[in-house]
Protein backbone atom coordinates (compact mmCIF):
# COMPACT_ATOMS: atom_id res chain seq x y z
CA MET A 1 -0.07 -0.06 -0.06
CA SER A 2 2.64 2.56 0.78
CA SER A 3 4.35 1.91 -2.41
CA THR A 4 1.19 2.55 -4.42
CA ALA A 5 0.42 5.64 -2.44
CA LEU A 6 3.86 6.92 -3.37
CA VAL A 7 3.29 6.27 -7.09
CA VAL A 8 0.01 8.09 -6.68
CA LEU A 9 1.54 11.04 -5.24
CA VAL A 10 4.58 11.26 -7.66
CA GLY A 11 1.81 11.03 -10.57
CA ILE A 12 -0.11 14.15 -8.77
CA PHE A 13 3.28 16.13 -8.33
CA VAL A 14 3.84 15.19 -12.24
CA LEU A 15 0.36 16.33 -13.12
CA ALA A 16 0.98 19.49 -11.11
CA VAL A 17 4.05 20.62 -12.55
CA VAL A 18 2.67 20.06 -16.28
CA LEU A 19 -0.34 22.13 -15.38
CA ILE A 20 1.67 24.92 -14.07
CA VAL A 21 4.28 25.13 -16.50
CA LEU A 22 2.65 24.20 -19.88
CA PRO A 23 0.43 27.58 -20.16
CA ARG A 24 3.66 29.51 -19.73
CA ILE A 25 5.37 27.75 -22.59
CA VAL A 26 2.11 28.44 -24.51
CA ARG A 27 2.28 32.02 -23.37
CA ALA A 28 5.77 32.37 -24.28
CA ARG A 29 5.15 31.07 -27.92
CA ARG A 30 1.96 33.11 -28.25
CA GLY A 31 3.31 36.48 -27.12
CA PRO A 32 5.73 37.11 -30.39
CA GLU A 33 3.41 36.20 -32.85
CA VAL A 34 1.01 39.13 -31.45
CA LEU A 35 3.56 41.20 -31.48
CA VAL A 36 4.68 40.62 -34.84
CA ARG A 37 1.26 41.01 -36.17
CA ARG A 38 0.43 44.31 -34.49
CA PRO A 39 2.91 46.08 -36.35
CA THR A 40 2.21 44.94 -39.60
CA LEU A 41 -1.34 46.50 -39.33
CA PRO A 42 -0.59 50.27 -40.23
CA PHE A 43 1.88 49.47 -43.19
CA PRO A 44 0.44 47.14 -45.70
CA ALA A 45 -0.87 50.02 -47.63
CA ALA A 46 2.19 52.27 -46.71
CA SER A 47 5.35 50.17 -47.05
CA GLU A 48 4.91 46.31 -47.41
CA PRO A 49 8.77 45.89 -47.09
CA GLU A 50 8.71 46.66 -43.51
CA PRO A 51 6.96 43.61 -42.27
CA GLU A 52 9.55 41.17 -43.39
CA PRO A 53 12.47 42.03 -41.12
CA ALA A 54 9.94 42.21 -38.08
CA PRO A 55 9.96 38.22 -37.73
CA GLU A 56 13.93 38.21 -37.79
CA SER A 57 14.24 40.53 -34.83
CA GLU A 58 11.48 38.60 -32.92
CA PRO A 59 13.73 35.44 -31.84
CA GLU A 60 14.81 37.69 -28.77
CA PRO A 61 12.63 38.04 -25.63
CA ALA A 62 9.28 39.73 -25.72
CA PRO A 63 10.62 42.85 -23.95
CA GLU A 64 12.95 43.34 -27.18
CA SER A 65 10.10 43.27 -29.49
CA GLU A 66 8.44 46.09 -27.76
CA PRO A 67 10.28 48.34 -29.74
CA ALA A 68 7.15 47.44 -31.82
CA PRO A 69 5.63 50.88 -30.75
CA GLU A 70 8.62 52.51 -32.27
CA SER A 71 7.53 51.52 -35.61
CA GLU A 72 4.18 53.32 -34.79
CA PRO A 73 5.68 56.63 -35.73
CA ALA A 74 5.31 55.21 -39.40
CA PRO A 75 1.44 56.46 -38.97
CA GLU A 76 3.00 59.97 -38.16
CA SER A 77 5.33 59.63 -41.16
CA GLU A 78 2.35 58.94 -43.16
CA PRO A 79 0.37 61.90 -42.89
CA ALA A 80 -1.60 62.63 -45.85
CA PRO A 81 -1.80 66.62 -45.46
CA GLU A 82 2.22 65.94 -46.09
CA SER A 83 1.93 64.40 -49.49
CA GLU A 84 -0.67 66.89 -50.46
CA PRO A 85 1.53 69.04 -52.01
CA ALA A 86 1.14 67.20 -54.85
CA PRO A 87 -1.82 69.37 -56.02
CA GLU A 88 0.67 71.98 -56.14
CA SER A 89 2.70 69.94 -58.88
CA GLU A 90 -0.74 69.98 -60.94
CA PRO A 91 0.67 73.48 -62.59
CA ALA A 92 2.67 71.18 -64.81
CA PRO A 93 -0.19 71.11 -67.17
CA GLU A 94 0.62 74.91 -67.79
CA SER A 95 3.40 73.60 -70.07
CA ALA A 96 1.25 71.08 -72.17
CA SER A 97 -2.55 71.88 -71.07
CA LEU A 98 -3.23 73.49 -74.06
CA ARG A 99 -2.12 70.84 -76.61
CA ASP A 100 -3.80 67.95 -74.08
CA ARG A 101 -6.76 69.72 -73.12
CA LEU A 102 -7.84 71.27 -76.51
CA GLY A 103 -8.92 67.78 -77.67
CA ARG A 104 -12.48 68.76 -79.29
CA THR A 105 -11.25 71.82 -81.15
CA ARG A 106 -8.31 69.88 -82.34
CA SER A 107 -10.20 67.14 -83.68
CA THR A 108 -12.21 69.62 -85.67
CA PHE A 109 -8.89 70.31 -87.36
CA ALA A 110 -7.81 66.84 -87.77
CA GLY A 111 -9.89 65.88 -90.58
CA LEU A 112 -8.74 69.09 -92.82
CA LEU A 113 -4.94 68.42 -91.73
CA GLY A 114 -5.14 64.72 -92.82
CA THR A 115 -6.97 65.82 -96.14
CA LEU A 116 -3.90 68.15 -96.78
CA ARG A 117 -1.28 65.97 -96.17
CA ARG A 118 -2.57 63.66 -98.55
CA THR A 119 -2.62 65.81 -101.42
CA GLY A 120 -0.12 67.68 -103.74
CA GLY A 121 -1.21 71.26 -104.71
CA LEU A 122 -3.36 73.74 -103.68
CA THR A 123 -6.92 73.43 -105.09
CA ASP A 124 -9.93 75.61 -104.64
CA ASP A 125 -11.42 72.29 -102.51
CA ASP A 126 -8.38 72.86 -99.95
CA TRP A 127 -9.49 76.54 -99.38
CA ASP A 128 -13.13 75.69 -99.10
CA GLU A 129 -12.14 72.97 -96.54
CA LEU A 130 -9.89 75.39 -94.67
CA GLU A 131 -12.80 78.05 -94.44
CA GLU A 132 -15.21 75.30 -93.50
CA THR A 133 -13.24 74.10 -90.51
CA LEU A 134 -12.39 77.60 -89.15
CA LEU A 135 -16.21 77.90 -89.31
CA LEU A 136 -16.61 74.75 -87.20
CA ALA A 137 -14.39 75.93 -84.72
CA ASP A 138 -16.52 79.26 -84.38
CA VAL A 139 -14.08 81.55 -85.59
CA GLY A 140 -16.76 83.58 -87.12
CA MET A 141 -17.35 84.38 -90.93
CA ALA A 142 -15.71 87.69 -90.90
CA THR A 143 -12.54 86.48 -88.82
CA THR A 144 -12.62 83.10 -90.86
CA GLU A 145 -12.23 85.39 -94.38
CA ALA A 146 -9.49 87.23 -92.99
CA VAL A 147 -7.70 84.21 -91.56
CA VAL A 148 -7.92 82.44 -95.17
CA ALA A 149 -6.95 85.48 -96.89
CA GLY A 150 -3.85 85.96 -94.66
CA VAL A 151 -2.96 82.01 -95.33
CA ARG A 152 -3.61 82.50 -99.40
CA GLU A 153 -0.94 85.39 -99.12
CA ARG A 154 1.65 83.45 -97.35
CA ALA A 155 1.03 80.22 -99.51
CA ARG A 156 1.36 82.65 -102.62
CA ARG A 157 4.69 84.05 -101.08
CA ALA A 158 6.38 80.68 -100.39
CA ASN A 159 4.69 78.91 -103.42
CA ALA A 160 3.64 76.45 -100.85
CA ASP A 161 1.74 73.28 -101.74
CA ALA A 162 -0.81 71.69 -99.36
CA ALA A 163 1.73 69.64 -97.16
CA THR A 164 2.79 73.00 -95.72
CA LEU A 165 -0.41 74.57 -95.52
CA PRO A 166 -0.94 73.61 -91.71
CA ALA A 167 2.63 75.49 -90.75
CA LEU A 168 1.12 78.39 -92.79
CA LEU A 169 -2.17 78.36 -90.73
CA GLN A 170 -0.37 78.01 -87.42
CA ALA A 171 1.85 80.84 -88.22
CA GLU A 172 -1.21 83.17 -89.28
CA ILE A 173 -3.29 82.41 -86.30
CA ALA A 174 0.12 83.20 -83.70
CA GLU A 175 0.61 86.28 -85.69
CA ARG A 176 -2.92 87.65 -85.35
CA LEU A 177 -3.42 86.66 -81.53
CA THR A 178 0.14 88.43 -80.99
CA ALA A 179 -0.84 91.45 -82.59
CA THR A 180 -3.63 91.92 -80.17
CA ALA A 181 -1.26 92.17 -77.09
CA GLY A 182 1.89 91.46 -76.49
CA ASP A 183 1.89 91.33 -72.73
CA ARG A 184 -0.93 89.38 -71.60
CA SER A 185 -0.10 89.33 -68.12
CA LEU A 186 -2.45 90.80 -65.46
CA ARG A 187 -1.80 94.11 -64.12
CA TYR A 188 -1.00 95.36 -60.79
CA ALA A 189 -1.04 98.70 -58.80
CA ALA A 190 2.11 100.54 -58.64
CA THR A 191 1.32 101.27 -55.06
CA GLY A 192 -1.35 100.51 -52.52
CA PRO A 193 -3.92 97.58 -52.97
CA THR A 194 -4.85 96.50 -56.81
CA VAL A 195 -8.44 95.80 -57.54
CA TRP A 196 -9.56 93.40 -60.28
CA LEU A 197 -13.43 93.37 -61.32
CA MET A 198 -15.00 90.04 -62.43
CA VAL A 199 -17.74 90.47 -64.76
CA GLY A 200 -20.07 88.51 -67.05
CA VAL A 201 -23.31 86.87 -67.22
CA ASN A 202 -24.80 83.96 -64.76
CA GLY A 203 -23.27 80.45 -65.22
CA VAL A 204 -20.19 81.36 -66.97
CA GLY A 205 -18.08 80.15 -63.96
CA LYS A 206 -17.46 83.97 -62.83
CA THR A 207 -17.24 82.77 -58.96
CA THR A 208 -14.98 79.63 -59.42
CA THR A 209 -12.84 81.77 -61.83
CA THR A 210 -12.38 84.31 -59.04
CA ALA A 211 -11.41 81.74 -56.47
CA LYS A 212 -8.93 80.32 -58.99
CA LEU A 213 -7.28 83.55 -59.57
CA ALA A 214 -7.04 84.18 -55.69
CA LYS A 215 -5.43 80.90 -55.21
CA ARG A 216 -3.26 81.76 -58.14
CA GLU A 217 -2.00 85.18 -56.70
CA ARG A 218 -1.90 83.73 -52.91
CA GLY A 219 0.58 81.14 -54.32
CA ALA A 220 2.51 84.09 -55.81
CA GLY A 221 2.89 85.50 -51.91
CA ARG A 222 0.10 87.82 -52.65
CA ARG A 223 -2.29 88.88 -49.70
CA VAL A 224 -5.70 88.79 -51.20
CA LEU A 225 -9.14 90.01 -50.23
CA LEU A 226 -12.39 88.72 -51.93
CA ALA A 227 -15.29 90.84 -52.06
CA ALA A 228 -18.76 89.16 -52.67
CA ALA A 229 -20.50 92.07 -54.36
CA ASP A 230 -23.20 89.44 -55.86
CA THR A 231 -25.47 90.48 -53.27
CA PHE A 232 -28.78 89.48 -55.19
CA ARG A 233 -27.82 85.75 -55.11
CA ALA A 234 -27.04 84.36 -51.53
CA ALA A 235 -25.48 81.37 -53.03
CA ALA A 236 -22.66 83.14 -54.77
CA ALA A 237 -21.76 84.81 -51.64
CA ASP A 238 -21.79 81.69 -49.65
CA GLN A 239 -19.80 79.95 -52.52
CA LEU A 240 -17.39 82.58 -52.20
CA ALA A 241 -17.00 82.49 -48.40
CA THR A 242 -16.32 78.75 -48.73
CA TRP A 243 -13.43 79.21 -51.12
CA ALA A 244 -12.19 82.42 -48.75
CA ASP A 245 -11.90 79.67 -45.80
CA ARG A 246 -10.17 77.01 -48.09
CA LEU A 247 -7.56 79.65 -49.47
CA ASP A 248 -7.18 81.44 -46.08
CA CYS A 249 -8.07 84.59 -47.53
CA ASP A 250 -10.07 87.65 -46.17
CA LEU A 251 -13.78 88.16 -47.13
CA VAL A 252 -15.89 91.30 -47.31
CA ARG A 253 -19.95 90.32 -48.06
CA GLY A 254 -22.89 92.33 -47.42
CA GLN A 255 -26.51 91.61 -46.37
CA ASP A 256 -28.86 89.37 -49.14
CA GLY A 257 -29.94 91.94 -51.45
CA GLY A 258 -28.17 94.61 -50.04
CA ASP A 259 -26.16 97.64 -51.85
CA PRO A 260 -22.99 95.93 -53.96
CA GLY A 261 -21.59 99.38 -53.87
CA ALA A 262 -21.10 99.40 -50.19
CA VAL A 263 -19.40 96.01 -50.30
CA VAL A 264 -16.86 97.13 -52.71
CA PHE A 265 -16.41 100.28 -50.94
CA ASP A 266 -15.75 98.39 -47.58
CA ALA A 267 -13.33 95.94 -49.54
CA VAL A 268 -11.41 98.80 -50.91
CA ASP A 269 -11.15 100.33 -47.47
CA LYS A 270 -10.42 97.20 -45.80
CA ALA A 271 -7.48 96.66 -47.89
CA VAL A 272 -5.76 99.94 -47.54
CA ALA A 273 -6.18 99.64 -43.66
CA ARG A 274 -4.73 96.08 -43.58
CA GLY A 275 -1.75 96.80 -46.42
CA LEU A 276 -3.16 94.01 -48.40
CA ASP A 277 -1.86 93.30 -51.91
CA LEU A 278 -4.87 92.69 -54.02
CA VAL A 279 -8.94 92.74 -54.04
CA ILE A 280 -10.67 90.51 -56.47
CA VAL A 281 -14.43 91.55 -56.64
CA ASP A 282 -17.08 89.20 -58.01
CA THR A 283 -19.79 91.04 -59.29
CA ALA A 284 -23.52 89.85 -59.57
CA GLY A 285 -24.34 87.82 -62.81
CA ARG A 286 -26.09 89.87 -64.82
CA LEU A 287 -27.95 89.71 -68.41
CA HIS A 288 -26.41 91.87 -70.86
CA THR A 289 -29.80 92.90 -72.12
CA LYS A 290 -30.69 94.57 -68.63
CA VAL A 291 -29.71 98.42 -68.71
CA ASN A 292 -30.23 98.80 -64.89
CA LEU A 293 -27.86 96.06 -64.13
CA MET A 294 -25.44 97.11 -66.81
CA ASN A 295 -25.65 100.71 -65.41
CA GLU A 296 -25.11 99.24 -61.93
CA LEU A 297 -21.80 97.88 -63.08
CA GLU A 298 -20.36 101.34 -64.19
CA LYS A 299 -21.56 102.47 -60.57
CA LEU A 300 -19.14 99.69 -59.18
CA LYS A 301 -16.15 100.77 -61.45
CA ARG A 302 -16.97 104.32 -60.31
CA ILE A 303 -16.26 103.62 -56.90
CA VAL A 304 -13.41 101.88 -57.19
CA GLU A 305 -11.48 104.46 -58.98
CA ARG A 306 -12.13 106.95 -56.24
CA ARG A 307 -8.69 105.53 -55.27
CA PRO A 308 -6.58 106.46 -58.09
CA GLY A 309 -4.61 103.57 -59.52
CA ALA A 310 -6.10 100.77 -57.76
CA LEU A 311 -8.48 99.50 -60.63
CA GLN A 312 -5.95 97.78 -62.93
CA GLU A 313 -8.22 94.85 -64.42
CA VAL A 314 -11.92 94.46 -65.52
CA LEU A 315 -12.14 90.88 -66.53
CA LEU A 316 -14.96 89.72 -68.78
CA VAL A 317 -15.48 85.92 -67.94
CA LEU A 318 -17.02 84.34 -70.92
CA ASP A 319 -17.86 80.37 -71.32
CA ALA A 320 -15.87 79.26 -74.47
CA SER A 321 -18.71 76.75 -75.32
CA THR A 322 -21.30 79.53 -75.91
CA GLY A 323 -18.92 80.35 -79.15
CA GLN A 324 -20.37 83.26 -81.18
CA ASN A 325 -23.10 83.98 -78.30
CA GLY A 326 -20.10 85.25 -76.36
CA LEU A 327 -19.43 87.88 -78.63
CA THR A 328 -22.93 89.51 -77.96
CA GLN A 329 -22.09 89.35 -74.40
CA ALA A 330 -18.95 90.79 -74.75
CA ARG A 331 -20.33 93.70 -76.95
CA GLU A 332 -22.87 94.67 -74.38
CA PHE A 333 -20.48 94.54 -71.38
CA ALA A 334 -17.85 96.53 -73.68
CA GLN A 335 -20.33 99.61 -73.79
CA SER A 336 -20.86 99.87 -70.15
CA VAL A 337 -17.16 99.31 -68.71
CA GLU A 338 -13.71 99.24 -70.17
CA ILE A 339 -12.92 95.42 -70.57
CA THR A 340 -9.19 95.15 -70.11
CA GLY A 341 -9.20 91.30 -70.45
CA VAL A 342 -10.94 88.11 -71.16
CA VAL A 343 -11.00 84.84 -69.26
CA LEU A 344 -12.15 82.20 -71.31
CA THR A 345 -13.83 79.04 -69.30
CA LYS A 346 -14.34 75.77 -70.23
CA LEU A 347 -11.86 75.81 -73.31
CA ASP A 348 -11.32 72.03 -72.60
CA GLY A 349 -14.68 71.00 -73.14
CA THR A 350 -15.74 72.49 -76.26
CA ALA A 351 -15.36 72.28 -80.27
CA LYS A 352 -15.72 76.07 -80.10
CA GLY A 353 -11.90 77.16 -79.39
CA GLY A 354 -11.91 79.17 -82.50
CA VAL A 355 -13.96 81.72 -80.59
CA VAL A 356 -10.63 83.29 -79.24
CA LEU A 357 -9.79 84.76 -82.84
CA ALA A 358 -13.10 85.91 -83.03
CA ILE A 359 -12.79 87.91 -79.62
CA GLU A 360 -9.84 89.46 -80.33
CA ALA A 361 -10.44 90.22 -83.99
CA GLU A 362 -13.59 92.00 -82.95
CA PHE A 363 -12.83 94.04 -79.97
CA GLY A 364 -9.04 93.97 -79.63
CA VAL A 365 -9.17 93.05 -75.97
CA PRO A 366 -6.71 89.93 -74.85
CA VAL A 367 -7.74 86.83 -73.54
CA LYS A 368 -5.44 86.48 -70.78
CA MET A 369 -6.31 83.38 -68.91
CA VAL A 370 -8.19 80.34 -69.96
CA GLY A 371 -9.77 77.77 -67.63
CA LEU A 372 -8.92 74.11 -68.92
CA GLY A 373 -10.63 71.91 -65.96
CA GLU A 374 -12.32 71.97 -62.77
CA GLY A 375 -9.25 72.14 -60.47
CA ALA A 376 -8.20 74.97 -58.69
CA ASP A 377 -5.00 74.96 -60.51
CA ASP A 378 -6.85 74.46 -63.84
CA LEU A 379 -6.65 78.29 -64.80
CA VAL A 380 -3.73 79.17 -67.11
CA THR A 381 -2.16 82.22 -68.77
CA PHE A 382 -2.81 82.36 -72.21
CA ASP A 383 -0.12 81.79 -75.07
CA PRO A 384 -0.91 82.66 -78.67
CA ASP A 385 1.93 80.41 -79.90
CA GLU A 386 0.98 77.46 -77.79
CA PHE A 387 -2.65 77.72 -78.93
CA ALA A 388 -1.77 77.93 -82.50
CA SER A 389 0.31 74.97 -82.23
CA ALA A 390 -2.41 73.24 -80.10
CA LEU A 391 -4.96 73.38 -82.53
CA VAL A 392 -2.91 72.86 -85.82
CA GLY A 393 0.53 71.20 -85.03
């Protein structure tokens, strides 16, 4: 009996030892697995290579693996905001934007150029096709006739054949546009704040263009104030206020239905008091047929001119997709205020890009900026040579 009892006691002792030691062994093995998984969670999207070295450092005791938290700074090196300067690189399109984004207008010329490159001498049919192509691009009858006459003269002097016609057309377009304005840059006051008035009918993208200009000028280091002088449409002032918050610009707005003249006066006054560089005034979209509204635009201009030299630009915003209808708008606005330049929006989405030629030929007012997309950086300086090359090159 005593030997049996001894065996039982030994068995109980061994079992107890196993029950105590086994969980520790299991925990010791399980611990490193958890530590390996934890650090890998934040990384898969950012840097997959990191998880590979982790297992090799694991053979060390659990305390050694605790540096895992030090790998957690990775989320802080991941900040999306830091990488968001990427949008700043978007201006790259400015060098290639016209050619890349004038697809619809370029396609209007594609058939003509393909035909010319397949033929030899220039025929009446070639000239007719050139004229038709320019009309389809909304160059307008009067300007089309002048362009065709200019290209004919170039071809006569060079004794050219059909293959050289695209180059002659490109040179004619570029020369005509360059003759309108050698300098298409936006102007600034010599001293004190500069004021730009944005004018145009509803729906052309005037408020958005105002914001895009503000972003551009902020990027150049200027302190900008936005004036929401469209007091008739609350949504316009709210939209501009949203942009002002995003761009970190000052904003002056009035009460809905209030006097837009008071807004402009306060904006200029505030810019002088704070030493700001630029005031961009978003005026109410108005029908060019409404005489009373056009008279009010003259009033806003007179208020700004109380400060000599402040008003440097009156920019007419036109929607390129309206083509020749934009000329009617330009004609009426030009009678009320002296337009210093045109901003042509939505040029990337229309086949009517030839309206640039018509606008400059009729009014002698330069197209200074063109909108080539919805992004805040998709407003670029208009370049005649690049435009002509984009159409015909």
